[in-house]
mmCIF file of all heavy atoms, coordinates in Angstrom:
data_MODEL
# 
_entry.id   MODEL 
# 
loop_
_atom_site.group_PDB 
_atom_site.id 
_atom_site.type_symbol 
_atom_site.label_atom_id 
_atom_site.label_alt_id 
_atom_site.label_comp_id 
_atom_site.label_asym_id 
_atom_site.label_entity_id 
_atom_site.label_seq_id 
_atom_site.pdbx_PDB_ins_code 
_atom_site.Cartn_x 
_atom_site.Cartn_y 
_atom_site.Cartn_z 
_atom_site.occupancy 
_atom_site.B_iso_or_equiv 
_atom_site.pdbx_formal_charge 
_atom_site.auth_seq_id 
_atom_site.auth_comp_id 
_atom_site.auth_asym_id 
_atom_site.auth_atom_id 
_atom_site.pdbx_PDB_model_num 
ATOM 1   N N   . ALA A 1 1  ? -0.614  5.208   -0.871  1.00 0.00 ? 1  ALA A N   1 
ATOM 2   C CA  . ALA A 1 1  ? -1.921  5.460   -1.553  1.00 0.00 ? 1  ALA A CA  1 
ATOM 3   C C   . ALA A 1 1  ? -1.785  6.526   -2.636  1.00 0.00 ? 1  ALA A C   1 
ATOM 4   O O   . ALA A 1 1  ? -2.363  6.331   -3.770  1.00 0.00 ? 1  ALA A O   1 
ATOM 5   C CB  . ALA A 1 1  ? -3.064  5.815   -0.613  1.00 0.00 ? 1  ALA A CB  1 
ATOM 6   N N   . ASN A 1 2  ? -1.025  7.600   -2.413  1.00 0.00 ? 2  ASN A N   1 
ATOM 7   C CA  . ASN A 1 2  ? -0.783  8.625   -3.379  1.00 0.00 ? 2  ASN A CA  1 
ATOM 8   C C   . ASN A 1 2  ? -0.015  8.037   -4.572  1.00 0.00 ? 2  ASN A C   1 
ATOM 9   O O   . ASN A 1 2  ? -0.355  8.339   -5.686  1.00 0.00 ? 2  ASN A O   1 
ATOM 10  C CB  . ASN A 1 2  ? -0.066  9.842   -2.765  1.00 0.00 ? 2  ASN A CB  1 
ATOM 11  C CG  . ASN A 1 2  ? -0.943  10.725  -1.926  1.00 0.00 ? 2  ASN A CG  1 
ATOM 12  O OD1 . ASN A 1 2  ? -2.188  10.643  -2.056  1.00 0.00 ? 2  ASN A OD1 1 
ATOM 13  N ND2 . ASN A 1 2  ? -0.370  11.538  -1.121  1.00 0.00 ? 2  ASN A ND2 1 
ATOM 14  N N   . GLN A 1 3  ? 0.983   7.263   -4.277  1.00 0.00 ? 3  GLN A N   1 
ATOM 15  C CA  . GLN A 1 3  ? 1.780   6.716   -5.416  1.00 0.00 ? 3  GLN A CA  1 
ATOM 16  C C   . GLN A 1 3  ? 0.934   5.816   -6.287  1.00 0.00 ? 3  GLN A C   1 
ATOM 17  O O   . GLN A 1 3  ? 0.999   5.962   -7.519  1.00 0.00 ? 3  GLN A O   1 
ATOM 18  C CB  . GLN A 1 3  ? 2.970   5.877   -4.823  1.00 0.00 ? 3  GLN A CB  1 
ATOM 19  C CG  . GLN A 1 3  ? 4.055   6.763   -4.244  1.00 0.00 ? 3  GLN A CG  1 
ATOM 20  C CD  . GLN A 1 3  ? 5.221   5.948   -3.673  1.00 0.00 ? 3  GLN A CD  1 
ATOM 21  O OE1 . GLN A 1 3  ? 5.000   4.993   -2.926  1.00 0.00 ? 3  GLN A OE1 1 
ATOM 22  N NE2 . GLN A 1 3  ? 6.425   6.336   -4.058  1.00 0.00 ? 3  GLN A NE2 1 
ATOM 23  N N   . LEU A 1 4  ? 0.083   4.953   -5.648  1.00 0.00 ? 4  LEU A N   1 
ATOM 24  C CA  . LEU A 1 4  ? -0.776  4.051   -6.454  1.00 0.00 ? 4  LEU A CA  1 
ATOM 25  C C   . LEU A 1 4  ? -1.786  5.014   -7.216  1.00 0.00 ? 4  LEU A C   1 
ATOM 26  O O   . LEU A 1 4  ? -2.120  4.583   -8.350  1.00 0.00 ? 4  LEU A O   1 
ATOM 27  C CB  . LEU A 1 4  ? -1.463  3.106   -5.501  1.00 0.00 ? 4  LEU A CB  1 
ATOM 28  C CG  . LEU A 1 4  ? -2.414  2.070   -6.111  1.00 0.00 ? 4  LEU A CG  1 
ATOM 29  C CD1 . LEU A 1 4  ? -1.738  1.340   -7.256  1.00 0.00 ? 4  LEU A CD1 1 
ATOM 30  C CD2 . LEU A 1 4  ? -2.972  1.074   -5.109  1.00 0.00 ? 4  LEU A CD2 1 
ATOM 31  N N   . ALA A 1 5  ? -2.308  5.996   -6.603  1.00 0.00 ? 5  ALA A N   1 
ATOM 32  C CA  . ALA A 1 5  ? -3.214  6.886   -7.280  1.00 0.00 ? 5  ALA A CA  1 
ATOM 33  C C   . ALA A 1 5  ? -2.665  7.504   -8.549  1.00 0.00 ? 5  ALA A C   1 
ATOM 34  O O   . ALA A 1 5  ? -3.269  7.527   -9.647  1.00 0.00 ? 5  ALA A O   1 
ATOM 35  C CB  . ALA A 1 5  ? -3.791  7.944   -6.328  1.00 0.00 ? 5  ALA A CB  1 
ATOM 36  N N   . HIS A 1 6  ? -1.409  7.970   -8.420  1.00 0.00 ? 6  HIS A N   1 
ATOM 37  C CA  . HIS A 1 6  ? -0.728  8.625   -9.601  1.00 0.00 ? 6  HIS A CA  1 
ATOM 38  C C   . HIS A 1 6  ? -0.497  7.524   -10.652 1.00 0.00 ? 6  HIS A C   1 
ATOM 39  O O   . HIS A 1 6  ? -0.636  7.762   -11.833 1.00 0.00 ? 6  HIS A O   1 
ATOM 40  C CB  . HIS A 1 6  ? 0.605   9.186   -9.139  1.00 0.00 ? 6  HIS A CB  1 
ATOM 41  C CG  . HIS A 1 6  ? 0.512   10.538  -8.506  1.00 0.00 ? 6  HIS A CG  1 
ATOM 42  N ND1 . HIS A 1 6  ? 0.181   11.689  -9.238  1.00 0.00 ? 6  HIS A ND1 1 
ATOM 43  C CD2 . HIS A 1 6  ? 0.634   10.925  -7.220  1.00 0.00 ? 6  HIS A CD2 1 
ATOM 44  C CE1 . HIS A 1 6  ? 0.191   12.715  -8.359  1.00 0.00 ? 6  HIS A CE1 1 
ATOM 45  N NE2 . HIS A 1 6  ? 0.422   12.256  -7.162  1.00 0.00 ? 6  HIS A NE2 1 
ATOM 46  N N   . TYR A 1 7  ? -0.200  6.327   -10.166 1.00 0.00 ? 7  TYR A N   1 
ATOM 47  C CA  . TYR A 1 7  ? 0.078   5.240   -11.101 1.00 0.00 ? 7  TYR A CA  1 
ATOM 48  C C   . TYR A 1 7  ? -1.256  4.870   -11.864 1.00 0.00 ? 7  TYR A C   1 
ATOM 49  O O   . TYR A 1 7  ? -1.264  4.669   -13.129 1.00 0.00 ? 7  TYR A O   1 
ATOM 50  C CB  . TYR A 1 7  ? 0.494   4.008   -10.303 1.00 0.00 ? 7  TYR A CB  1 
ATOM 51  C CG  . TYR A 1 7  ? 0.951   2.796   -11.107 1.00 0.00 ? 7  TYR A CG  1 
ATOM 52  C CD1 . TYR A 1 7  ? 2.155   2.708   -11.754 1.00 0.00 ? 7  TYR A CD1 1 
ATOM 53  C CD2 . TYR A 1 7  ? 0.084   1.643   -11.147 1.00 0.00 ? 7  TYR A CD2 1 
ATOM 54  C CE1 . TYR A 1 7  ? 2.536   1.610   -12.452 1.00 0.00 ? 7  TYR A CE1 1 
ATOM 55  C CE2 . TYR A 1 7  ? 0.545   0.473   -11.862 1.00 0.00 ? 7  TYR A CE2 1 
ATOM 56  C CZ  . TYR A 1 7  ? 1.692   0.466   -12.526 1.00 0.00 ? 7  TYR A CZ  1 
ATOM 57  O OH  . TYR A 1 7  ? 2.108   -0.616  -13.245 1.00 0.00 ? 7  TYR A OH  1 
ATOM 58  N N   . LEU A 1 8  ? -2.403  4.868   -11.143 1.00 0.00 ? 8  LEU A N   1 
ATOM 59  C CA  . LEU A 1 8  ? -3.703  4.665   -11.830 1.00 0.00 ? 8  LEU A CA  1 
ATOM 60  C C   . LEU A 1 8  ? -4.016  5.750   -12.770 1.00 0.00 ? 8  LEU A C   1 
ATOM 61  O O   . LEU A 1 8  ? -4.631  5.515   -13.880 1.00 0.00 ? 8  LEU A O   1 
ATOM 62  C CB  . LEU A 1 8  ? -4.793  4.554   -10.710 1.00 0.00 ? 8  LEU A CB  1 
ATOM 63  C CG  . LEU A 1 8  ? -4.722  3.291   -9.837  1.00 0.00 ? 8  LEU A CG  1 
ATOM 64  C CD1 . LEU A 1 8  ? -5.789  3.383   -8.742  1.00 0.00 ? 8  LEU A CD1 1 
ATOM 65  C CD2 . LEU A 1 8  ? -4.958  1.987   -10.640 1.00 0.00 ? 8  LEU A CD2 1 
ATOM 66  N N   . ARG A 1 9  ? -3.661  7.025   -12.356 1.00 0.00 ? 9  ARG A N   1 
ATOM 67  C CA  . ARG A 1 9  ? -3.995  8.112   -13.316 1.00 0.00 ? 9  ARG A CA  1 
ATOM 68  C C   . ARG A 1 9  ? -3.193  7.983   -14.657 1.00 0.00 ? 9  ARG A C   1 
ATOM 69  O O   . ARG A 1 9  ? -3.713  8.210   -15.737 1.00 0.00 ? 9  ARG A O   1 
ATOM 70  C CB  . ARG A 1 9  ? -3.632  9.406   -12.602 1.00 0.00 ? 9  ARG A CB  1 
ATOM 71  C CG  . ARG A 1 9  ? -3.955  10.693  -13.559 1.00 0.00 ? 9  ARG A CG  1 
ATOM 72  C CD  . ARG A 1 9  ? -3.691  11.981  -12.880 1.00 0.00 ? 9  ARG A CD  1 
ATOM 73  N NE  . ARG A 1 9  ? -4.868  12.333  -12.005 1.00 0.00 ? 9  ARG A NE  1 
ATOM 74  C CZ  . ARG A 1 9  ? -4.900  13.392  -11.256 1.00 0.00 ? 9  ARG A CZ  1 
ATOM 75  N NH1 . ARG A 1 9  ? -3.900  14.220  -11.182 1.00 0.00 ? 9  ARG A NH1 1 
ATOM 76  N NH2 . ARG A 1 9  ? -6.031  13.663  -10.553 1.00 0.00 ? 9  ARG A NH2 1 
ATOM 77  N N   . LYS A 1 10 ? -1.939  7.494   -14.519 1.00 0.00 ? 10 LYS A N   1 
ATOM 78  C CA  . LYS A 1 10 ? -1.119  7.292   -15.710 1.00 0.00 ? 10 LYS A CA  1 
ATOM 79  C C   . LYS A 1 10 ? -1.744  6.224   -16.645 1.00 0.00 ? 10 LYS A C   1 
ATOM 80  O O   . LYS A 1 10 ? -1.618  6.232   -17.827 1.00 0.00 ? 10 LYS A O   1 
ATOM 81  C CB  . LYS A 1 10 ? 0.288   6.788   -15.340 1.00 0.00 ? 10 LYS A CB  1 
ATOM 82  C CG  . LYS A 1 10 ? 1.291   7.905   -15.001 1.00 0.00 ? 10 LYS A CG  1 
ATOM 83  C CD  . LYS A 1 10 ? 2.675   7.520   -15.332 1.00 0.00 ? 10 LYS A CD  1 
ATOM 84  C CE  . LYS A 1 10 ? 3.690   8.662   -15.077 1.00 0.00 ? 10 LYS A CE  1 
ATOM 85  N NZ  . LYS A 1 10 ? 4.266   8.555   -13.676 1.00 0.00 ? 10 LYS A NZ  1 
ATOM 86  N N   . LEU A 1 11 ? -2.494  5.264   -16.001 1.00 0.00 ? 11 LEU A N   1 
ATOM 87  C CA  . LEU A 1 11 ? -3.164  4.257   -16.768 1.00 0.00 ? 11 LEU A CA  1 
ATOM 88  C C   . LEU A 1 11 ? -4.534  4.712   -17.267 1.00 0.00 ? 11 LEU A C   1 
ATOM 89  O O   . LEU A 1 11 ? -5.271  3.952   -17.854 1.00 0.00 ? 11 LEU A O   1 
ATOM 90  C CB  . LEU A 1 11 ? -3.365  2.974   -15.862 1.00 0.00 ? 11 LEU A CB  1 
ATOM 91  C CG  . LEU A 1 11 ? -2.097  2.215   -15.539 1.00 0.00 ? 11 LEU A CG  1 
ATOM 92  C CD1 . LEU A 1 11 ? -2.446  1.126   -14.513 1.00 0.00 ? 11 LEU A CD1 1 
ATOM 93  C CD2 . LEU A 1 11 ? -1.441  1.623   -16.726 1.00 0.00 ? 11 LEU A CD2 1 
ATOM 94  N N   . GLY A 1 12 ? -4.826  5.998   -16.962 1.00 0.00 ? 12 GLY A N   1 
ATOM 95  C CA  . GLY A 1 12 ? -6.019  6.585   -17.541 1.00 0.00 ? 12 GLY A CA  1 
ATOM 96  C C   . GLY A 1 12 ? -7.258  6.584   -16.726 1.00 0.00 ? 12 GLY A C   1 
ATOM 97  O O   . GLY A 1 12 ? -8.385  6.810   -17.267 1.00 0.00 ? 12 GLY A O   1 
ATOM 98  N N   . VAL A 1 13 ? -7.179  6.248   -15.443 1.00 0.00 ? 13 VAL A N   1 
ATOM 99  C CA  . VAL A 1 13 ? -8.339  6.245   -14.582 1.00 0.00 ? 13 VAL A CA  1 
ATOM 100 C C   . VAL A 1 13 ? -8.911  7.649   -14.394 1.00 0.00 ? 13 VAL A C   1 
ATOM 101 O O   . VAL A 1 13 ? -8.130  8.562   -13.994 1.00 0.00 ? 13 VAL A O   1 
ATOM 102 C CB  . VAL A 1 13 ? -8.107  5.571   -13.265 1.00 0.00 ? 13 VAL A CB  1 
ATOM 103 C CG1 . VAL A 1 13 ? -9.398  5.596   -12.354 1.00 0.00 ? 13 VAL A CG1 1 
ATOM 104 C CG2 . VAL A 1 13 ? -7.693  4.095   -13.417 1.00 0.00 ? 13 VAL A CG2 1 
ATOM 105 N N   . LYS A 1 14 ? -10.190 7.835   -14.684 1.00 0.00 ? 14 LYS A N   1 
ATOM 106 C CA  . LYS A 1 14 ? -10.797 9.189   -14.575 1.00 0.00 ? 14 LYS A CA  1 
ATOM 107 C C   . LYS A 1 14 ? -11.884 9.167   -13.507 1.00 0.00 ? 14 LYS A C   1 
ATOM 108 O O   . LYS A 1 14 ? -12.318 8.094   -13.106 1.00 0.00 ? 14 LYS A O   1 
ATOM 109 C CB  . LYS A 1 14 ? -11.401 9.572   -15.904 1.00 0.00 ? 14 LYS A CB  1 
ATOM 110 C CG  . LYS A 1 14 ? -10.413 9.681   -17.128 1.00 0.00 ? 14 LYS A CG  1 
ATOM 111 C CD  . LYS A 1 14 ? -11.155 10.005  -18.352 1.00 0.00 ? 14 LYS A CD  1 
ATOM 112 C CE  . LYS A 1 14 ? -10.118 10.183  -19.528 1.00 0.00 ? 14 LYS A CE  1 
ATOM 113 N NZ  . LYS A 1 14 ? -9.532  8.903   -19.831 1.00 0.00 ? 14 LYS A NZ  1 
ATOM 114 N N   . PRO A 1 15 ? -12.374 10.386  -13.040 1.00 0.00 ? 15 PRO A N   1 
ATOM 115 C CA  . PRO A 1 15 ? -13.515 10.379  -12.122 1.00 0.00 ? 15 PRO A CA  1 
ATOM 116 C C   . PRO A 1 15 ? -14.660 9.489   -12.594 1.00 0.00 ? 15 PRO A C   1 
ATOM 117 O O   . PRO A 1 15 ? -14.981 9.499   -13.764 1.00 0.00 ? 15 PRO A O   1 
ATOM 118 C CB  . PRO A 1 15 ? -13.831 11.899  -12.052 1.00 0.00 ? 15 PRO A CB  1 
ATOM 119 C CG  . PRO A 1 15 ? -12.536 12.558  -12.349 1.00 0.00 ? 15 PRO A CG  1 
ATOM 120 C CD  . PRO A 1 15 ? -11.850 11.701  -13.381 1.00 0.00 ? 15 PRO A CD  1 
ATOM 121 N N   . ASP A 1 16 ? -15.272 8.892   -11.647 1.00 0.00 ? 16 ASP A N   1 
ATOM 122 C CA  . ASP A 1 16 ? -16.479 7.985   -11.864 1.00 0.00 ? 16 ASP A CA  1 
ATOM 123 C C   . ASP A 1 16 ? -16.086 6.713   -12.600 1.00 0.00 ? 16 ASP A C   1 
ATOM 124 O O   . ASP A 1 16 ? -16.998 5.883   -12.840 1.00 0.00 ? 16 ASP A O   1 
ATOM 125 C CB  . ASP A 1 16 ? -17.573 8.680   -12.560 1.00 0.00 ? 16 ASP A CB  1 
ATOM 126 C CG  . ASP A 1 16 ? -18.278 9.721   -11.668 1.00 0.00 ? 16 ASP A CG  1 
ATOM 127 O OD1 . ASP A 1 16 ? -18.030 9.639   -10.414 1.00 0.00 ? 16 ASP A OD1 1 
ATOM 128 O OD2 . ASP A 1 16 ? -19.002 10.556  -12.147 1.00 0.00 ? 16 ASP A OD2 1 
ATOM 129 N N   . GLU A 1 17 ? -14.850 6.555   -12.937 1.00 0.00 ? 17 GLU A N   1 
ATOM 130 C CA  . GLU A 1 17 ? -14.492 5.208   -13.529 1.00 0.00 ? 17 GLU A CA  1 
ATOM 131 C C   . GLU A 1 17 ? -14.377 4.106   -12.531 1.00 0.00 ? 17 GLU A C   1 
ATOM 132 O O   . GLU A 1 17 ? -13.912 4.251   -11.469 1.00 0.00 ? 17 GLU A O   1 
ATOM 133 C CB  . GLU A 1 17 ? -13.185 5.361   -14.335 1.00 0.00 ? 17 GLU A CB  1 
ATOM 134 C CG  . GLU A 1 17 ? -12.829 4.135   -15.187 1.00 0.00 ? 17 GLU A CG  1 
ATOM 135 C CD  . GLU A 1 17 ? -11.695 4.338   -16.108 1.00 0.00 ? 17 GLU A CD  1 
ATOM 136 O OE1 . GLU A 1 17 ? -11.509 5.492   -16.608 1.00 0.00 ? 17 GLU A OE1 1 
ATOM 137 O OE2 . GLU A 1 17 ? -10.909 3.408   -16.326 1.00 0.00 ? 17 GLU A OE2 1 
ATOM 138 N N   . LEU A 1 18 ? -14.909 2.914   -12.967 1.00 0.00 ? 18 LEU A N   1 
ATOM 139 C CA  . LEU A 1 18 ? -14.899 1.837   -11.967 1.00 0.00 ? 18 LEU A CA  1 
ATOM 140 C C   . LEU A 1 18 ? -13.612 1.075   -12.040 1.00 0.00 ? 18 LEU A C   1 
ATOM 141 O O   . LEU A 1 18 ? -13.145 0.768   -13.130 1.00 0.00 ? 18 LEU A O   1 
ATOM 142 C CB  . LEU A 1 18 ? -16.109 0.843   -12.297 1.00 0.00 ? 18 LEU A CB  1 
ATOM 143 C CG  . LEU A 1 18 ? -17.525 1.489   -12.281 1.00 0.00 ? 18 LEU A CG  1 
ATOM 144 C CD1 . LEU A 1 18 ? -18.573 0.475   -12.611 1.00 0.00 ? 18 LEU A CD1 1 
ATOM 145 C CD2 . LEU A 1 18 ? -17.832 2.172   -11.017 1.00 0.00 ? 18 LEU A CD2 1 
ATOM 146 N N   . VAL A 1 19 ? -13.112 0.736   -10.846 1.00 0.00 ? 19 VAL A N   1 
ATOM 147 C CA  . VAL A 1 19 ? -11.870 -0.044  -10.720 1.00 0.00 ? 19 VAL A CA  1 
ATOM 148 C C   . VAL A 1 19 ? -12.096 -1.191  -9.796  1.00 0.00 ? 19 VAL A C   1 
ATOM 149 O O   . VAL A 1 19 ? -12.607 -0.995  -8.719  1.00 0.00 ? 19 VAL A O   1 
ATOM 150 C CB  . VAL A 1 19 ? -10.730 0.837   -10.154 1.00 0.00 ? 19 VAL A CB  1 
ATOM 151 C CG1 . VAL A 1 19 ? -9.472  0.037   -9.990  1.00 0.00 ? 19 VAL A CG1 1 
ATOM 152 C CG2 . VAL A 1 19 ? -10.487 2.121   -11.040 1.00 0.00 ? 19 VAL A CG2 1 
ATOM 153 N N   . GLY A 1 20 ? -11.771 -2.369  -10.229 1.00 0.00 ? 20 GLY A N   1 
ATOM 154 C CA  . GLY A 1 20 ? -12.023 -3.591  -9.388  1.00 0.00 ? 20 GLY A CA  1 
ATOM 155 C C   . GLY A 1 20 ? -10.961 -3.754  -8.333  1.00 0.00 ? 20 GLY A C   1 
ATOM 156 O O   . GLY A 1 20 ? -9.859  -3.307  -8.494  1.00 0.00 ? 20 GLY A O   1 
ATOM 157 N N   . ILE A 1 21 ? -11.305 -4.209  -7.193  1.00 0.00 ? 21 ILE A N   1 
ATOM 158 C CA  . ILE A 1 21 ? -10.383 -4.550  -6.146  1.00 0.00 ? 21 ILE A CA  1 
ATOM 159 C C   . ILE A 1 21 ? -10.664 -5.945  -5.529  1.00 0.00 ? 21 ILE A C   1 
ATOM 160 O O   . ILE A 1 21 ? -11.757 -6.129  -5.067  1.00 0.00 ? 21 ILE A O   1 
ATOM 161 C CB  . ILE A 1 21 ? -10.295 -3.383  -5.078  1.00 0.00 ? 21 ILE A CB  1 
ATOM 162 C CG1 . ILE A 1 21 ? -9.191  -3.732  -3.943  1.00 0.00 ? 21 ILE A CG1 1 
ATOM 163 C CG2 . ILE A 1 21 ? -11.625 -3.060  -4.443  1.00 0.00 ? 21 ILE A CG2 1 
ATOM 164 C CD1 . ILE A 1 21 ? -8.759  -2.589  -3.187  1.00 0.00 ? 21 ILE A CD1 1 
ATOM 165 N N   . CYS A 1 22 ? -9.785  -6.875  -5.666  1.00 0.00 ? 22 CYS A N   1 
ATOM 166 C CA  . CYS A 1 22 ? -10.002 -8.186  -5.222  1.00 0.00 ? 22 CYS A CA  1 
ATOM 167 C C   . CYS A 1 22 ? -8.825  -8.538  -4.218  1.00 0.00 ? 22 CYS A C   1 
ATOM 168 O O   . CYS A 1 22 ? -7.756  -9.056  -4.624  1.00 0.00 ? 22 CYS A O   1 
ATOM 169 C CB  . CYS A 1 22 ? -10.006 -9.218  -6.409  1.00 0.00 ? 22 CYS A CB  1 
ATOM 170 S SG  . CYS A 1 22 ? -10.282 -10.888 -5.908  1.00 0.00 ? 22 CYS A SG  1 
ATOM 171 N N   . LEU A 1 23 ? -9.064  -8.257  -2.923  1.00 0.00 ? 23 LEU A N   1 
ATOM 172 C CA  . LEU A 1 23 ? -7.998  -8.505  -1.913  1.00 0.00 ? 23 LEU A CA  1 
ATOM 173 C C   . LEU A 1 23 ? -8.677  -8.957  -0.669  1.00 0.00 ? 23 LEU A C   1 
ATOM 174 O O   . LEU A 1 23 ? -9.839  -8.598  -0.384  1.00 0.00 ? 23 LEU A O   1 
ATOM 175 C CB  . LEU A 1 23 ? -7.263  -7.146  -1.687  1.00 0.00 ? 23 LEU A CB  1 
ATOM 176 C CG  . LEU A 1 23 ? -6.263  -6.723  -2.759  1.00 0.00 ? 23 LEU A CG  1 
ATOM 177 C CD1 . LEU A 1 23 ? -5.873  -5.297  -2.474  1.00 0.00 ? 23 LEU A CD1 1 
ATOM 178 C CD2 . LEU A 1 23 ? -5.047  -7.596  -2.787  1.00 0.00 ? 23 LEU A CD2 1 
ATOM 179 N N   . GLU A 1 24 ? -7.904  -9.710  0.079   1.00 0.00 ? 24 GLU A N   1 
ATOM 180 C CA  . GLU A 1 24 ? -8.410  -10.076 1.528   1.00 0.00 ? 24 GLU A CA  1 
ATOM 181 C C   . GLU A 1 24 ? -8.303  -8.773  2.299   1.00 0.00 ? 24 GLU A C   1 
ATOM 182 O O   . GLU A 1 24 ? -7.556  -7.891  2.073   1.00 0.00 ? 24 GLU A O   1 
ATOM 183 C CB  . GLU A 1 24 ? -7.468  -11.156 2.096   1.00 0.00 ? 24 GLU A CB  1 
ATOM 184 C CG  . GLU A 1 24 ? -7.469  -12.463 1.331   1.00 0.00 ? 24 GLU A CG  1 
ATOM 185 C CD  . GLU A 1 24 ? -8.753  -13.287 1.513   1.00 0.00 ? 24 GLU A CD  1 
ATOM 186 O OE1 . GLU A 1 24 ? -9.643  -12.824 2.203   1.00 0.00 ? 24 GLU A OE1 1 
ATOM 187 O OE2 . GLU A 1 24 ? -8.854  -14.405 0.913   1.00 0.00 ? 24 GLU A OE2 1 
ATOM 188 N N   . ARG A 1 25 ? -8.949  -8.789  3.507   1.00 0.00 ? 25 ARG A N   1 
ATOM 189 C CA  . ARG A 1 25 ? -8.782  -7.664  4.451   1.00 0.00 ? 25 ARG A CA  1 
ATOM 190 C C   . ARG A 1 25 ? -7.355  -7.565  4.868   1.00 0.00 ? 25 ARG A C   1 
ATOM 191 O O   . ARG A 1 25 ? -6.670  -8.500  5.370   1.00 0.00 ? 25 ARG A O   1 
ATOM 192 C CB  . ARG A 1 25 ? -9.649  -7.925  5.682   1.00 0.00 ? 25 ARG A CB  1 
ATOM 193 C CG  . ARG A 1 25 ? -11.112 -7.845  5.291   1.00 0.00 ? 25 ARG A CG  1 
ATOM 194 C CD  . ARG A 1 25 ? -12.094 -8.259  6.470   1.00 0.00 ? 25 ARG A CD  1 
ATOM 195 N NE  . ARG A 1 25 ? -11.782 -9.535  7.075   1.00 0.00 ? 25 ARG A NE  1 
ATOM 196 C CZ  . ARG A 1 25 ? -11.192 -9.668  8.271   1.00 0.00 ? 25 ARG A CZ  1 
ATOM 197 N NH1 . ARG A 1 25 ? -11.083 -8.629  9.037   1.00 0.00 ? 25 ARG A NH1 1 
ATOM 198 N NH2 . ARG A 1 25 ? -10.958 -10.817 8.736   1.00 0.00 ? 25 ARG A NH2 1 
ATOM 199 N N   . SER A 1 26 ? -6.734  -6.380  4.586   1.00 0.00 ? 26 SER A N   1 
ATOM 200 C CA  . SER A 1 26 ? -5.295  -6.170  4.809   1.00 0.00 ? 26 SER A CA  1 
ATOM 201 C C   . SER A 1 26 ? -4.960  -4.700  4.646   1.00 0.00 ? 26 SER A C   1 
ATOM 202 O O   . SER A 1 26 ? -5.791  -3.923  4.225   1.00 0.00 ? 26 SER A O   1 
ATOM 203 C CB  . SER A 1 26 ? -4.522  -6.974  3.798   1.00 0.00 ? 26 SER A CB  1 
ATOM 204 O OG  . SER A 1 26 ? -4.795  -6.506  2.479   1.00 0.00 ? 26 SER A OG  1 
ATOM 205 N N   . LEU A 1 27 ? -3.770  -4.342  5.020   1.00 0.00 ? 27 LEU A N   1 
ATOM 206 C CA  . LEU A 1 27 ? -3.263  -2.984  4.799   1.00 0.00 ? 27 LEU A CA  1 
ATOM 207 C C   . LEU A 1 27 ? -3.281  -2.589  3.286   1.00 0.00 ? 27 LEU A C   1 
ATOM 208 O O   . LEU A 1 27 ? -3.721  -1.498  2.863   1.00 0.00 ? 27 LEU A O   1 
ATOM 209 C CB  . LEU A 1 27 ? -1.901  -2.810  5.386   1.00 0.00 ? 27 LEU A CB  1 
ATOM 210 C CG  . LEU A 1 27 ? -1.282  -1.417  5.263   1.00 0.00 ? 27 LEU A CG  1 
ATOM 211 C CD1 . LEU A 1 27 ? -2.148  -0.419  6.052   1.00 0.00 ? 27 LEU A CD1 1 
ATOM 212 C CD2 . LEU A 1 27 ? 0.130   -1.370  5.771   1.00 0.00 ? 27 LEU A CD2 1 
ATOM 213 N N   . ASP A 1 28 ? -2.889  -3.557  2.429   1.00 0.00 ? 28 ASP A N   1 
ATOM 214 C CA  . ASP A 1 28 ? -2.884  -3.379  0.992   1.00 0.00 ? 28 ASP A CA  1 
ATOM 215 C C   . ASP A 1 28 ? -4.317  -2.973  0.527   1.00 0.00 ? 28 ASP A C   1 
ATOM 216 O O   . ASP A 1 28 ? -4.421  -2.173  -0.376  1.00 0.00 ? 28 ASP A O   1 
ATOM 217 C CB  . ASP A 1 28 ? -2.374  -4.552  0.229   1.00 0.00 ? 28 ASP A CB  1 
ATOM 218 C CG  . ASP A 1 28 ? -0.897  -4.600  0.156   1.00 0.00 ? 28 ASP A CG  1 
ATOM 219 O OD1 . ASP A 1 28 ? -0.208  -3.623  0.544   1.00 0.00 ? 28 ASP A OD1 1 
ATOM 220 O OD2 . ASP A 1 28 ? -0.356  -5.586  -0.390  1.00 0.00 ? 28 ASP A OD2 1 
# 
């Protein structure tokens, strides 16, 4: 989760920015 968060930050995600998530119920 930390690695993915750093990756998202590099892509410019800031506080309060909306990010879509389209996944079945899973660990991912």
